[in-house]
């Protein structure tokens, strides 16, 4: 995600959280069906925030996946060296942890 996208997402999520907070405060002051309505509006605001976050995460994951695939195709030898090094580090870590047990 670009910094501008993150800033916009953050602002939107804060606005939705503020909206949900306002509705919950209204519910605390109200009684009966008015309180239920305020809680329902708050729940909808929270759901919209969660949906927005999920959509941005999906978009970001797709972009990252595409960039990684492109890099792997462009540099297959370098990628295999890096993957081999990571595998060696994980194996070393696992052996050290097993020896400590």
N, C-alpha and C. Protein backbone atom coordinates (compact mmCIF):
# COMPACT_ATOMS: atom_id res chain seq x y z
N UNK A 1 0.84 -1.17 0.00
CA UNK A 1 0.00 0.00 0.00
C UNK A 1 0.88 1.24 0.00
N UNK A 2 0.46 2.23 -0.73
CA UNK A 2 1.21 3.48 -0.77
C UNK A 2 0.92 4.27 0.51
N UNK A 3 1.83 5.18 0.85
CA UNK A 3 1.57 6.00 2.04
C UNK A 3 0.26 6.78 1.96
N UNK A 4 -0.08 7.27 0.77
CA UNK A 4 -1.34 8.02 0.63
C UNK A 4 -2.54 7.12 0.89
N UNK A 5 -2.48 5.88 0.41
CA UNK A 5 -3.57 4.93 0.63
C UNK A 5 -3.68 4.60 2.12
N UNK A 6 -2.55 4.39 2.77
CA UNK A 6 -2.57 4.11 4.21
C UNK A 6 -3.15 5.28 4.99
N UNK A 7 -2.78 6.49 4.60
CA UNK A 7 -3.29 7.68 5.28
C UNK A 7 -4.81 7.79 5.11
N UNK A 8 -5.28 7.56 3.88
CA UNK A 8 -6.72 7.62 3.61
C UNK A 8 -7.46 6.53 4.38
N UNK A 9 -6.91 5.31 4.37
CA UNK A 9 -7.53 4.20 5.10
C UNK A 9 -7.57 4.51 6.59
N UNK A 10 -6.49 5.02 7.12
CA UNK A 10 -6.44 5.36 8.54
C UNK A 10 -7.48 6.41 8.89
N UNK A 11 -7.58 7.44 8.06
CA UNK A 11 -8.56 8.50 8.30
C UNK A 11 -9.98 7.95 8.25
N UNK A 12 -10.25 7.10 7.24
CA UNK A 12 -11.59 6.50 7.11
C UNK A 12 -11.93 5.63 8.32
N UNK A 13 -10.97 4.81 8.75
CA UNK A 13 -11.21 3.94 9.90
C UNK A 13 -11.45 4.76 11.17
N UNK A 14 -10.68 5.84 11.33
CA UNK A 14 -10.89 6.72 12.50
C UNK A 14 -12.28 7.35 12.45
N UNK A 15 -12.69 7.79 11.26
CA UNK A 15 -14.03 8.38 11.14
C UNK A 15 -15.11 7.38 11.49
N UNK A 16 -14.97 6.15 11.00
CA UNK A 16 -15.96 5.12 11.31
C UNK A 16 -15.95 4.75 12.79
N UNK A 17 -14.75 4.73 13.39
CA UNK A 17 -14.67 4.45 14.83
C UNK A 17 -15.31 5.57 15.63
N UNK A 18 -15.09 6.82 15.20
CA UNK A 18 -15.73 7.95 15.88
C UNK A 18 -17.24 7.86 15.75
N UNK A 19 -17.72 7.49 14.57
CA UNK A 19 -19.16 7.33 14.36
C UNK A 19 -19.73 6.26 15.28
N UNK A 20 -19.03 5.13 15.37
CA UNK A 20 -19.49 4.04 16.24
C UNK A 20 -19.50 4.50 17.70
N UNK A 21 -18.47 5.24 18.10
CA UNK A 21 -18.40 5.74 19.47
C UNK A 21 -19.55 6.69 19.77
N UNK A 22 -19.85 7.57 18.81
CA UNK A 22 -20.98 8.49 19.01
C UNK A 22 -22.28 7.73 19.19
N UNK A 23 -22.49 6.70 18.37
CA UNK A 23 -23.71 5.91 18.49
C UNK A 23 -23.79 5.18 19.82
N UNK A 24 -22.64 4.68 20.29
CA UNK A 24 -22.64 3.99 21.59
C UNK A 24 -22.90 4.97 22.73
N UNK A 25 -22.37 6.19 22.62
CA UNK A 25 -22.66 7.20 23.64
C UNK A 25 -24.15 7.53 23.65
N UNK A 26 -24.70 7.64 22.44
CA UNK A 26 -26.14 7.90 22.32
C UNK A 26 -26.95 6.78 22.95
N UNK A 27 -26.50 5.54 22.74
CA UNK A 27 -27.19 4.38 23.32
C UNK A 27 -27.12 4.42 24.84
N UNK A 28 -26.00 4.88 25.37
CA UNK A 28 -25.85 4.95 26.83
C UNK A 28 -26.80 5.98 27.43
N UNK A 29 -27.08 7.05 26.68
CA UNK A 29 -27.99 8.08 27.17
C UNK A 29 -29.46 7.70 26.96
N UNK A 30 -29.72 6.89 25.96
CA UNK A 30 -31.09 6.56 25.59
C UNK A 30 -31.57 5.32 26.36
N UNK A 31 -32.85 5.07 26.21
CA UNK A 31 -33.42 3.87 26.82
C UNK A 31 -34.29 3.15 25.80
N UNK A 32 -34.51 1.90 26.04
CA UNK A 32 -35.44 1.11 25.22
C UNK A 32 -35.03 1.00 23.77
N UNK A 33 -36.00 1.23 22.88
CA UNK A 33 -35.76 1.04 21.45
C UNK A 33 -34.78 2.05 20.89
N UNK A 34 -34.72 3.26 21.49
CA UNK A 34 -33.74 4.25 21.04
C UNK A 34 -32.32 3.73 21.25
N UNK A 35 -32.08 3.07 22.38
CA UNK A 35 -30.77 2.51 22.66
C UNK A 35 -30.46 1.39 21.69
N UNK A 36 -31.44 0.57 21.41
CA UNK A 36 -31.23 -0.53 20.46
C UNK A 36 -30.89 0.00 19.07
N UNK A 37 -31.57 1.07 18.65
CA UNK A 37 -31.29 1.67 17.36
C UNK A 37 -29.87 2.24 17.31
N UNK A 38 -29.47 2.89 18.38
CA UNK A 38 -28.11 3.47 18.42
C UNK A 38 -27.06 2.37 18.38
N UNK A 39 -27.30 1.28 19.08
CA UNK A 39 -26.35 0.16 19.06
C UNK A 39 -26.31 -0.47 17.68
N UNK A 40 -27.44 -0.58 17.02
CA UNK A 40 -27.48 -1.13 15.66
C UNK A 40 -26.69 -0.24 14.71
N UNK A 41 -26.84 1.10 14.83
CA UNK A 41 -26.07 2.01 13.97
C UNK A 41 -24.58 1.89 14.25
N UNK A 42 -24.23 1.73 15.51
CA UNK A 42 -22.82 1.55 15.88
C UNK A 42 -22.27 0.27 15.27
N UNK A 43 -23.05 -0.79 15.34
CA UNK A 43 -22.63 -2.08 14.77
C UNK A 43 -22.42 -1.96 13.27
N UNK A 44 -23.30 -1.23 12.59
CA UNK A 44 -23.15 -1.04 11.14
C UNK A 44 -21.87 -0.26 10.83
N UNK A 45 -21.56 0.75 11.65
CA UNK A 45 -20.34 1.53 11.44
C UNK A 45 -19.10 0.66 11.61
N UNK A 46 -19.13 -0.20 12.62
CA UNK A 46 -18.00 -1.10 12.86
C UNK A 46 -17.88 -2.10 11.71
N UNK A 47 -19.00 -2.59 11.21
CA UNK A 47 -18.98 -3.52 10.08
C UNK A 47 -18.42 -2.86 8.83
N UNK A 48 -18.80 -1.59 8.59
CA UNK A 48 -18.26 -0.88 7.43
C UNK A 48 -16.75 -0.71 7.55
N UNK A 49 -16.27 -0.42 8.77
CA UNK A 49 -14.83 -0.27 8.98
C UNK A 49 -14.12 -1.60 8.72
N UNK A 50 -14.68 -2.69 9.20
CA UNK A 50 -14.08 -4.01 8.98
C UNK A 50 -14.08 -4.37 7.50
N UNK A 51 -15.17 -4.07 6.80
CA UNK A 51 -15.23 -4.34 5.36
C UNK A 51 -14.18 -3.53 4.60
N UNK A 52 -14.04 -2.27 4.97
CA UNK A 52 -13.06 -1.40 4.31
C UNK A 52 -11.65 -1.93 4.54
N UNK A 53 -11.35 -2.32 5.76
CA UNK A 53 -10.03 -2.85 6.08
C UNK A 53 -9.77 -4.15 5.32
N UNK A 54 -10.78 -5.04 5.25
CA UNK A 54 -10.63 -6.28 4.51
C UNK A 54 -10.37 -6.03 3.03
N UNK A 55 -11.12 -5.10 2.44
CA UNK A 55 -10.94 -4.78 1.03
C UNK A 55 -9.54 -4.25 0.75
N UNK A 56 -9.07 -3.37 1.61
CA UNK A 56 -7.72 -2.82 1.42
C UNK A 56 -6.66 -3.91 1.60
N UNK A 57 -6.87 -4.81 2.55
CA UNK A 57 -5.91 -5.90 2.77
C UNK A 57 -5.87 -6.83 1.57
N UNK A 58 -7.04 -7.13 1.00
CA UNK A 58 -7.08 -7.99 -0.19
C UNK A 58 -6.35 -7.34 -1.35
N UNK A 59 -6.58 -6.05 -1.55
CA UNK A 59 -5.92 -5.33 -2.63
C UNK A 59 -4.41 -5.32 -2.42
N UNK A 60 -4.00 -5.05 -1.19
CA UNK A 60 -2.58 -5.01 -0.88
C UNK A 60 -1.93 -6.38 -1.06
N UNK A 61 -2.61 -7.43 -0.63
CA UNK A 61 -2.08 -8.78 -0.78
C UNK A 61 -1.94 -9.16 -2.25
N UNK A 62 -2.91 -8.78 -3.06
CA UNK A 62 -2.85 -9.08 -4.49
C UNK A 62 -1.69 -8.34 -5.14
N UNK A 63 -1.49 -7.09 -4.78
CA UNK A 63 -0.38 -6.31 -5.32
C UNK A 63 0.96 -6.91 -4.91
N UNK A 64 1.08 -7.26 -3.64
CA UNK A 64 2.32 -7.86 -3.14
C UNK A 64 2.59 -9.19 -3.82
N UNK A 65 1.56 -10.01 -3.97
CA UNK A 65 1.71 -11.30 -4.63
C UNK A 65 2.19 -11.12 -6.07
N UNK A 66 1.63 -10.15 -6.76
CA UNK A 66 2.03 -9.88 -8.15
C UNK A 66 3.48 -9.40 -8.21
N UNK A 67 3.87 -8.54 -7.29
CA UNK A 67 5.24 -8.05 -7.27
C UNK A 67 6.24 -9.16 -6.96
N UNK A 68 5.90 -10.04 -6.02
CA UNK A 68 6.79 -11.15 -5.68
C UNK A 68 6.91 -12.10 -6.87
N UNK A 69 5.79 -12.41 -7.52
CA UNK A 69 5.83 -13.30 -8.69
C UNK A 69 6.68 -12.71 -9.80
N UNK A 70 6.54 -11.42 -10.02
CA UNK A 70 7.32 -10.74 -11.05
C UNK A 70 8.81 -10.79 -10.73
N UNK A 71 9.15 -10.58 -9.47
CA UNK A 71 10.55 -10.62 -9.05
C UNK A 71 11.13 -12.01 -9.19
N UNK A 72 10.36 -13.02 -8.81
CA UNK A 72 10.83 -14.41 -8.93
C UNK A 72 11.08 -14.76 -10.40
N UNK A 73 10.17 -14.34 -11.27
CA UNK A 73 10.36 -14.61 -12.70
C UNK A 73 11.56 -13.86 -13.27
N UNK A 74 11.79 -12.65 -12.79
CA UNK A 74 12.89 -11.84 -13.31
C UNK A 74 14.25 -12.32 -12.79
N UNK A 75 14.29 -12.84 -11.58
CA UNK A 75 15.57 -13.26 -10.96
C UNK A 75 15.44 -14.65 -10.36
N UNK A 76 15.29 -15.69 -11.19
CA UNK A 76 15.08 -17.04 -10.65
C UNK A 76 16.27 -17.57 -9.85
N UNK A 77 17.48 -17.30 -10.31
CA UNK A 77 18.67 -17.83 -9.61
C UNK A 77 18.81 -17.14 -8.26
N UNK A 78 18.69 -15.83 -8.23
CA UNK A 78 18.81 -15.10 -6.97
C UNK A 78 17.74 -15.54 -5.99
N UNK A 79 16.54 -15.76 -6.51
CA UNK A 79 15.44 -16.18 -5.65
C UNK A 79 15.72 -17.54 -5.04
N UNK A 80 16.25 -18.45 -5.84
CA UNK A 80 16.53 -19.79 -5.30
C UNK A 80 17.65 -19.74 -4.26
N UNK A 81 18.62 -18.85 -4.45
CA UNK A 81 19.68 -18.69 -3.46
C UNK A 81 19.10 -18.16 -2.14
N UNK A 82 18.24 -17.17 -2.24
CA UNK A 82 17.64 -16.58 -1.04
C UNK A 82 16.76 -17.62 -0.34
N UNK A 83 15.97 -18.37 -1.10
CA UNK A 83 15.11 -19.40 -0.50
C UNK A 83 15.97 -20.47 0.16
N UNK A 84 17.06 -20.85 -0.48
CA UNK A 84 17.97 -21.83 0.11
C UNK A 84 18.58 -21.32 1.41
N UNK A 85 18.96 -20.06 1.44
CA UNK A 85 19.54 -19.47 2.64
C UNK A 85 18.51 -19.43 3.77
N UNK A 86 17.28 -19.08 3.44
CA UNK A 86 16.22 -19.05 4.45
C UNK A 86 15.97 -20.45 4.99
N UNK A 87 15.95 -21.45 4.10
CA UNK A 87 15.75 -22.84 4.54
C UNK A 87 16.88 -23.28 5.46
N UNK A 88 18.11 -22.90 5.12
CA UNK A 88 19.26 -23.25 5.96
C UNK A 88 19.15 -22.59 7.33
N UNK A 89 18.75 -21.33 7.36
CA UNK A 89 18.58 -20.64 8.64
C UNK A 89 17.49 -21.28 9.49
N UNK A 90 16.39 -21.64 8.85
CA UNK A 90 15.30 -22.31 9.59
C UNK A 90 15.75 -23.66 10.12
N UNK A 91 16.50 -24.41 9.33
CA UNK A 91 17.01 -25.71 9.78
C UNK A 91 17.96 -25.53 10.95
N UNK A 92 18.84 -24.53 10.85
CA UNK A 92 19.78 -24.25 11.94
C UNK A 92 19.03 -23.87 13.21
N UNK A 93 18.03 -23.00 13.06
CA UNK A 93 17.23 -22.59 14.21
C UNK A 93 16.55 -23.79 14.85
N UNK A 94 15.96 -24.65 14.01
CA UNK A 94 15.28 -25.84 14.52
C UNK A 94 16.25 -26.76 15.26
N UNK A 95 17.44 -26.96 14.70
CA UNK A 95 18.44 -27.83 15.37
C UNK A 95 18.89 -27.24 16.69
N UNK A 96 19.08 -25.93 16.73
CA UNK A 96 19.49 -25.28 17.98
C UNK A 96 18.39 -25.44 19.03
N UNK A 97 17.13 -25.22 18.62
CA UNK A 97 16.03 -25.37 19.57
C UNK A 97 15.91 -26.81 20.06
N UNK A 98 16.09 -27.78 19.16
CA UNK A 98 16.03 -29.18 19.58
C UNK A 98 17.15 -29.55 20.52
N UNK A 99 18.33 -28.99 20.28
CA UNK A 99 19.48 -29.30 21.16
C UNK A 99 19.30 -28.69 22.54
N UNK A 100 18.52 -27.63 22.65
CA UNK A 100 18.26 -26.98 23.94
C UNK A 100 17.19 -27.72 24.74
N UNK A 101 16.42 -28.56 24.09
CA UNK A 101 15.33 -29.26 24.77
C UNK A 101 15.82 -30.38 25.63
